[in-house]
N, C-alpha and C. Protein backbone atom coordinates (compact mmCIF):
# COMPACT_ATOMS: atom_id res chain seq x y z
N MET A 1 15.33 -11.15 -3.84
CA MET A 1 14.69 -12.40 -4.21
C MET A 1 14.19 -13.10 -2.96
N ILE A 2 13.02 -13.64 -3.07
CA ILE A 2 12.41 -14.36 -1.96
C ILE A 2 12.39 -15.84 -2.34
N ASP A 3 12.82 -16.67 -1.38
CA ASP A 3 12.77 -18.11 -1.66
C ASP A 3 12.30 -18.85 -0.42
N GLY A 4 12.01 -20.12 -0.60
CA GLY A 4 11.54 -20.94 0.50
C GLY A 4 10.05 -21.21 0.38
N SER A 5 9.51 -21.84 1.38
CA SER A 5 8.07 -22.11 1.43
C SER A 5 7.65 -22.21 2.89
N VAL A 6 6.35 -22.14 3.08
CA VAL A 6 5.80 -22.24 4.42
C VAL A 6 4.47 -22.98 4.34
N LYS A 7 4.21 -23.76 5.35
CA LYS A 7 2.95 -24.49 5.42
C LYS A 7 2.01 -23.73 6.35
N VAL A 8 0.81 -23.45 5.86
CA VAL A 8 -0.21 -22.77 6.64
C VAL A 8 -1.29 -23.80 6.96
N GLN A 9 -1.63 -23.91 8.25
CA GLN A 9 -2.58 -24.93 8.65
C GLN A 9 -3.63 -24.35 9.58
N TYR A 10 -4.87 -24.77 9.37
CA TYR A 10 -5.96 -24.45 10.27
C TYR A 10 -6.73 -25.73 10.49
N GLY A 11 -6.65 -26.28 11.67
CA GLY A 11 -7.27 -27.59 11.93
C GLY A 11 -6.65 -28.64 11.04
N ALA A 12 -7.47 -29.37 10.32
CA ALA A 12 -6.98 -30.43 9.43
C ALA A 12 -6.66 -29.90 8.04
N LYS A 13 -6.98 -28.64 7.76
CA LYS A 13 -6.75 -28.07 6.43
C LYS A 13 -5.39 -27.40 6.39
N ALA A 14 -4.67 -27.65 5.30
CA ALA A 14 -3.33 -27.08 5.17
C ALA A 14 -3.06 -26.71 3.71
N GLN A 15 -2.22 -25.70 3.53
CA GLN A 15 -1.78 -25.26 2.21
C GLN A 15 -0.29 -24.95 2.28
N GLN A 16 0.41 -25.27 1.24
CA GLN A 16 1.83 -24.95 1.12
C GLN A 16 1.95 -23.66 0.31
N LEU A 17 2.62 -22.65 0.87
CA LEU A 17 2.82 -21.38 0.17
C LEU A 17 4.24 -21.29 -0.35
N ARG A 18 4.35 -20.77 -1.55
CA ARG A 18 5.64 -20.53 -2.18
C ARG A 18 5.82 -19.02 -2.36
N PRO A 19 7.01 -18.58 -2.69
CA PRO A 19 7.21 -17.14 -2.90
C PRO A 19 6.19 -16.58 -3.89
N GLY A 20 5.66 -15.43 -3.57
CA GLY A 20 4.67 -14.80 -4.42
C GLY A 20 3.24 -15.23 -4.12
N GLN A 21 3.04 -15.89 -2.99
CA GLN A 21 1.70 -16.31 -2.60
C GLN A 21 1.40 -15.85 -1.17
N GLN A 22 0.11 -15.68 -0.89
CA GLN A 22 -0.32 -15.41 0.47
C GLN A 22 -1.58 -16.20 0.75
N ALA A 23 -1.83 -16.47 2.01
CA ALA A 23 -3.00 -17.25 2.41
C ALA A 23 -3.97 -16.36 3.16
N GLN A 24 -5.25 -16.68 3.00
CA GLN A 24 -6.29 -15.97 3.73
C GLN A 24 -7.32 -17.01 4.16
N LEU A 25 -7.70 -16.96 5.42
CA LEU A 25 -8.68 -17.89 5.96
C LEU A 25 -10.09 -17.33 5.75
N ASN A 26 -10.96 -18.12 5.13
CA ASN A 26 -12.35 -17.75 4.94
C ASN A 26 -13.08 -18.01 6.26
N ASN A 27 -13.63 -16.96 6.85
CA ASN A 27 -14.27 -17.07 8.16
C ASN A 27 -15.59 -17.84 8.14
N THR A 28 -16.14 -18.05 6.96
CA THR A 28 -17.41 -18.78 6.85
C THR A 28 -17.17 -20.27 6.63
N THR A 29 -16.31 -20.58 5.65
CA THR A 29 -16.06 -21.99 5.30
C THR A 29 -14.85 -22.56 6.00
N PHE A 30 -14.02 -21.69 6.56
CA PHE A 30 -12.76 -22.06 7.20
C PHE A 30 -11.79 -22.73 6.23
N ASN A 31 -11.95 -22.43 4.94
CA ASN A 31 -10.99 -22.88 3.93
C ASN A 31 -9.84 -21.89 3.88
N ILE A 32 -8.68 -22.39 3.53
CA ILE A 32 -7.50 -21.54 3.35
C ILE A 32 -7.40 -21.22 1.87
N ASN A 33 -7.58 -19.95 1.53
CA ASN A 33 -7.50 -19.51 0.14
C ASN A 33 -6.11 -18.99 -0.14
N VAL A 34 -5.51 -19.44 -1.23
CA VAL A 34 -4.17 -19.01 -1.63
C VAL A 34 -4.29 -18.09 -2.84
N GLN A 35 -3.61 -16.96 -2.76
CA GLN A 35 -3.62 -15.99 -3.85
C GLN A 35 -2.20 -15.66 -4.26
N ASN A 36 -2.02 -15.39 -5.54
CA ASN A 36 -0.73 -14.88 -6.02
C ASN A 36 -0.69 -13.38 -5.76
N ILE A 37 0.46 -12.90 -5.35
CA ILE A 37 0.64 -11.48 -5.02
C ILE A 37 1.92 -10.96 -5.64
N ASP A 38 2.07 -9.65 -5.63
CA ASP A 38 3.32 -9.01 -6.02
C ASP A 38 4.16 -8.89 -4.75
N ALA A 39 5.07 -9.82 -4.57
CA ALA A 39 5.86 -9.88 -3.33
C ALA A 39 6.69 -8.61 -3.13
N ASP A 40 7.20 -8.02 -4.20
CA ASP A 40 7.99 -6.79 -4.05
C ASP A 40 7.16 -5.69 -3.42
N GLN A 41 5.91 -5.59 -3.82
CA GLN A 41 5.04 -4.55 -3.27
C GLN A 41 4.71 -4.85 -1.81
N VAL A 42 4.47 -6.11 -1.49
CA VAL A 42 4.09 -6.47 -0.12
C VAL A 42 5.23 -6.25 0.86
N ILE A 43 6.47 -6.51 0.46
CA ILE A 43 7.60 -6.36 1.38
C ILE A 43 8.35 -5.04 1.19
N ALA A 44 7.81 -4.13 0.39
CA ALA A 44 8.49 -2.85 0.15
C ALA A 44 8.76 -2.10 1.45
N TRP A 45 7.86 -2.19 2.43
CA TRP A 45 8.05 -1.50 3.71
C TRP A 45 9.33 -1.97 4.37
N LYS A 46 9.66 -3.25 4.20
CA LYS A 46 10.84 -3.83 4.83
C LYS A 46 12.13 -3.29 4.21
N THR A 47 12.06 -3.01 2.92
CA THR A 47 13.24 -2.51 2.22
C THR A 47 13.29 -0.98 2.20
N GLY A 48 12.32 -0.33 2.87
CA GLY A 48 12.36 1.12 3.02
C GLY A 48 11.68 1.90 1.91
N PHE A 49 10.67 1.33 1.27
CA PHE A 49 10.00 2.03 0.17
C PHE A 49 8.49 1.96 0.31
N PHE A 50 7.84 2.99 -0.26
CA PHE A 50 6.43 2.90 -0.61
C PHE A 50 6.47 2.38 -2.04
N GLU A 51 5.72 1.37 -2.35
CA GLU A 51 5.68 0.86 -3.72
C GLU A 51 4.24 0.70 -4.14
N PHE A 52 3.89 1.35 -5.24
CA PHE A 52 2.52 1.37 -5.71
C PHE A 52 2.48 0.87 -7.16
N ASP A 53 1.52 0.03 -7.44
CA ASP A 53 1.31 -0.47 -8.80
C ASP A 53 -0.18 -0.42 -9.09
N ASN A 54 -0.59 0.62 -9.81
CA ASN A 54 -2.01 0.83 -10.11
C ASN A 54 -2.85 0.92 -8.83
N GLU A 55 -2.47 1.83 -7.96
CA GLU A 55 -3.17 2.02 -6.69
C GLU A 55 -3.97 3.32 -6.73
N HIS A 56 -5.09 3.32 -6.03
CA HIS A 56 -5.89 4.53 -5.88
C HIS A 56 -5.21 5.48 -4.89
N LEU A 57 -5.45 6.75 -5.07
CA LEU A 57 -4.83 7.76 -4.21
C LEU A 57 -5.16 7.55 -2.74
N ALA A 58 -6.38 7.12 -2.45
CA ALA A 58 -6.77 6.90 -1.05
C ALA A 58 -5.91 5.82 -0.41
N THR A 59 -5.58 4.78 -1.15
CA THR A 59 -4.72 3.70 -0.63
C THR A 59 -3.32 4.21 -0.36
N ILE A 60 -2.79 5.00 -1.26
CA ILE A 60 -1.46 5.56 -1.09
C ILE A 60 -1.42 6.49 0.12
N MET A 61 -2.43 7.32 0.25
CA MET A 61 -2.44 8.29 1.34
C MET A 61 -2.62 7.61 2.70
N ARG A 62 -3.28 6.46 2.76
CA ARG A 62 -3.37 5.71 4.03
C ARG A 62 -1.97 5.30 4.49
N GLN A 63 -1.14 4.85 3.54
CA GLN A 63 0.23 4.45 3.90
C GLN A 63 1.05 5.66 4.32
N VAL A 64 0.92 6.76 3.60
CA VAL A 64 1.64 7.99 3.94
C VAL A 64 1.20 8.47 5.32
N SER A 65 -0.09 8.40 5.59
CA SER A 65 -0.63 8.82 6.88
C SER A 65 -0.02 8.05 8.03
N ARG A 66 0.04 6.73 7.89
CA ARG A 66 0.60 5.89 8.96
C ARG A 66 2.10 6.14 9.13
N TRP A 67 2.82 6.25 8.03
CA TRP A 67 4.27 6.38 8.10
C TRP A 67 4.69 7.71 8.72
N TYR A 68 4.02 8.80 8.33
CA TYR A 68 4.40 10.14 8.79
C TYR A 68 3.54 10.63 9.96
N ASP A 69 2.64 9.78 10.43
CA ASP A 69 1.78 10.10 11.58
C ASP A 69 1.04 11.42 11.36
N ILE A 70 0.31 11.48 10.25
CA ILE A 70 -0.49 12.66 9.95
C ILE A 70 -1.93 12.22 9.64
N GLU A 71 -2.84 13.18 9.76
CA GLU A 71 -4.24 12.93 9.44
C GLU A 71 -4.49 13.39 8.00
N ILE A 72 -5.17 12.56 7.22
CA ILE A 72 -5.41 12.86 5.82
C ILE A 72 -6.88 13.23 5.61
N ASN A 73 -7.11 14.29 4.86
CA ASN A 73 -8.46 14.69 4.45
C ASN A 73 -8.48 14.67 2.92
N LEU A 74 -9.16 13.68 2.33
CA LEU A 74 -9.27 13.58 0.88
C LEU A 74 -10.42 14.47 0.43
N LYS A 75 -10.12 15.45 -0.40
CA LYS A 75 -11.12 16.43 -0.83
C LYS A 75 -11.10 16.52 -2.35
N ASP A 76 -12.24 16.27 -2.95
CA ASP A 76 -12.35 16.39 -4.41
C ASP A 76 -11.29 15.58 -5.15
N ILE A 77 -11.16 14.30 -4.80
CA ILE A 77 -10.17 13.49 -5.50
C ILE A 77 -10.84 12.71 -6.62
N GLU A 78 -10.09 12.52 -7.67
CA GLU A 78 -10.55 11.70 -8.79
C GLU A 78 -10.38 10.24 -8.37
N THR A 79 -11.48 9.54 -8.19
CA THR A 79 -11.44 8.20 -7.62
C THR A 79 -10.99 7.12 -8.61
N GLN A 80 -11.05 7.39 -9.90
CA GLN A 80 -10.68 6.38 -10.88
C GLN A 80 -9.20 6.43 -11.28
N LYS A 81 -8.52 7.50 -10.94
CA LYS A 81 -7.12 7.65 -11.31
C LYS A 81 -6.24 6.69 -10.51
N LEU A 82 -5.34 5.99 -11.21
CA LEU A 82 -4.44 5.04 -10.56
C LEU A 82 -3.01 5.54 -10.64
N PHE A 83 -2.22 5.20 -9.63
CA PHE A 83 -0.84 5.67 -9.52
C PHE A 83 0.10 4.48 -9.42
N GLY A 84 1.31 4.69 -9.86
CA GLY A 84 2.34 3.68 -9.73
C GLY A 84 3.67 4.35 -9.45
N GLY A 85 4.55 3.64 -8.79
CA GLY A 85 5.87 4.19 -8.53
C GLY A 85 6.46 3.64 -7.25
N ARG A 86 7.67 4.11 -6.99
CA ARG A 86 8.41 3.68 -5.81
C ARG A 86 9.06 4.91 -5.20
N ILE A 87 8.80 5.12 -3.90
CA ILE A 87 9.31 6.30 -3.20
C ILE A 87 9.97 5.83 -1.90
N SER A 88 11.15 6.35 -1.63
CA SER A 88 11.85 6.00 -0.40
C SER A 88 11.10 6.51 0.81
N ARG A 89 11.02 5.67 1.83
CA ARG A 89 10.39 6.07 3.10
C ARG A 89 11.34 6.92 3.95
N HIS A 90 12.56 7.09 3.50
CA HIS A 90 13.53 7.87 4.25
C HIS A 90 13.48 9.35 3.87
N LEU A 91 12.65 9.70 2.90
CA LEU A 91 12.53 11.09 2.48
C LEU A 91 11.63 11.85 3.45
N PRO A 92 11.86 13.15 3.58
CA PRO A 92 10.92 13.96 4.37
C PRO A 92 9.56 14.00 3.67
N LEU A 93 8.51 14.21 4.44
CA LEU A 93 7.16 14.26 3.90
C LEU A 93 7.07 15.25 2.74
N SER A 94 7.71 16.40 2.86
CA SER A 94 7.63 17.43 1.81
C SER A 94 8.11 16.90 0.46
N GLU A 95 9.15 16.08 0.46
CA GLU A 95 9.66 15.53 -0.80
C GLU A 95 8.72 14.47 -1.38
N VAL A 96 8.12 13.67 -0.52
CA VAL A 96 7.14 12.67 -0.98
C VAL A 96 5.96 13.39 -1.63
N LEU A 97 5.46 14.44 -0.97
CA LEU A 97 4.34 15.19 -1.51
C LEU A 97 4.71 15.88 -2.82
N ASN A 98 5.93 16.37 -2.91
CA ASN A 98 6.40 17.00 -4.14
C ASN A 98 6.39 16.00 -5.29
N MET A 99 6.82 14.77 -5.04
CA MET A 99 6.81 13.74 -6.09
C MET A 99 5.39 13.42 -6.53
N LEU A 100 4.48 13.29 -5.57
CA LEU A 100 3.10 12.97 -5.90
C LEU A 100 2.42 14.14 -6.63
N SER A 101 2.84 15.34 -6.34
CA SER A 101 2.21 16.51 -6.97
C SER A 101 2.48 16.57 -8.47
N THR A 102 3.52 15.90 -8.95
CA THR A 102 3.79 15.89 -10.39
C THR A 102 2.75 15.07 -11.14
N SER A 103 1.91 14.33 -10.43
CA SER A 103 0.86 13.52 -11.05
C SER A 103 -0.51 14.18 -10.93
N GLY A 104 -0.55 15.46 -10.66
CA GLY A 104 -1.81 16.17 -10.59
C GLY A 104 -2.49 16.14 -9.23
N VAL A 105 -1.73 15.90 -8.18
CA VAL A 105 -2.28 15.89 -6.83
C VAL A 105 -1.81 17.17 -6.14
N THR A 106 -2.73 17.82 -5.42
CA THR A 106 -2.35 19.02 -4.68
C THR A 106 -2.51 18.76 -3.18
N PHE A 107 -1.70 19.44 -2.40
CA PHE A 107 -1.65 19.22 -0.95
C PHE A 107 -1.66 20.55 -0.22
N ARG A 108 -2.27 20.54 0.94
CA ARG A 108 -2.19 21.68 1.86
C ARG A 108 -2.00 21.11 3.26
N LEU A 109 -0.85 21.38 3.86
CA LEU A 109 -0.50 20.84 5.17
C LEU A 109 -0.66 21.93 6.22
N GLU A 110 -1.48 21.63 7.23
CA GLU A 110 -1.64 22.54 8.37
C GLU A 110 -1.41 21.71 9.63
N GLY A 111 -0.27 21.91 10.25
CA GLY A 111 0.09 21.11 11.41
C GLY A 111 0.25 19.65 11.03
N ARG A 112 -0.54 18.78 11.64
CA ARG A 112 -0.49 17.34 11.34
C ARG A 112 -1.65 16.91 10.45
N ARG A 113 -2.35 17.89 9.84
CA ARG A 113 -3.49 17.59 8.98
C ARG A 113 -3.14 17.93 7.54
N LEU A 114 -3.31 16.95 6.65
CA LEU A 114 -2.98 17.14 5.24
C LEU A 114 -4.25 17.04 4.40
N GLU A 115 -4.53 18.09 3.67
CA GLU A 115 -5.67 18.09 2.74
C GLU A 115 -5.16 17.71 1.36
N VAL A 116 -5.81 16.72 0.75
CA VAL A 116 -5.38 16.17 -0.53
C VAL A 116 -6.49 16.33 -1.55
N SER A 117 -6.17 16.84 -2.74
CA SER A 117 -7.14 16.91 -3.83
C SER A 117 -6.42 16.65 -5.14
N THR A 118 -7.19 16.34 -6.16
CA THR A 118 -6.60 16.08 -7.48
C THR A 118 -7.12 17.11 -8.47
N VAL A 119 -6.28 17.40 -9.44
CA VAL A 119 -6.65 18.31 -10.52
C VAL A 119 -7.51 17.52 -11.48
N LYS A 120 -8.69 18.03 -11.78
CA LYS A 120 -9.61 17.31 -12.67
C LYS A 120 -9.50 17.77 -14.07
C-alpha cells in the first residue's frame, strides 16, 4: 500500500499528488499535468517484478532487454496483441522466456541477441 502525498512545483505553479497519481510538465505551456496511474505497475521494479497490464510485446521486451542486458530483435510480431501478468525479476532469462512463450511468442537466443516473433 502506498500512502502520503507530495507537492510538485514549477515556478509559481504547483500540484498536490496523492497515491496513484503522477505529474508531467508540459514543455510548451509549463503546466503541471496530473494523471492517475496504476501504482502497482509503476513500482513493480522496486518489489522485484515485471508487471504488465494490457501491454504490447515491444514494451515488455524493452524491460526484459534492460533487466537482462540483452539486445532485442522484434521480428514478425503481432502488434495488436496485448499481454498481462506478473513475473519475478529474480528468475533466469530462460524461465521468463518460457512463461512468455505460453502466449504464442517464440524466441531464439544467440549470445546476447534475442530474436522475438509471435505466432500468427
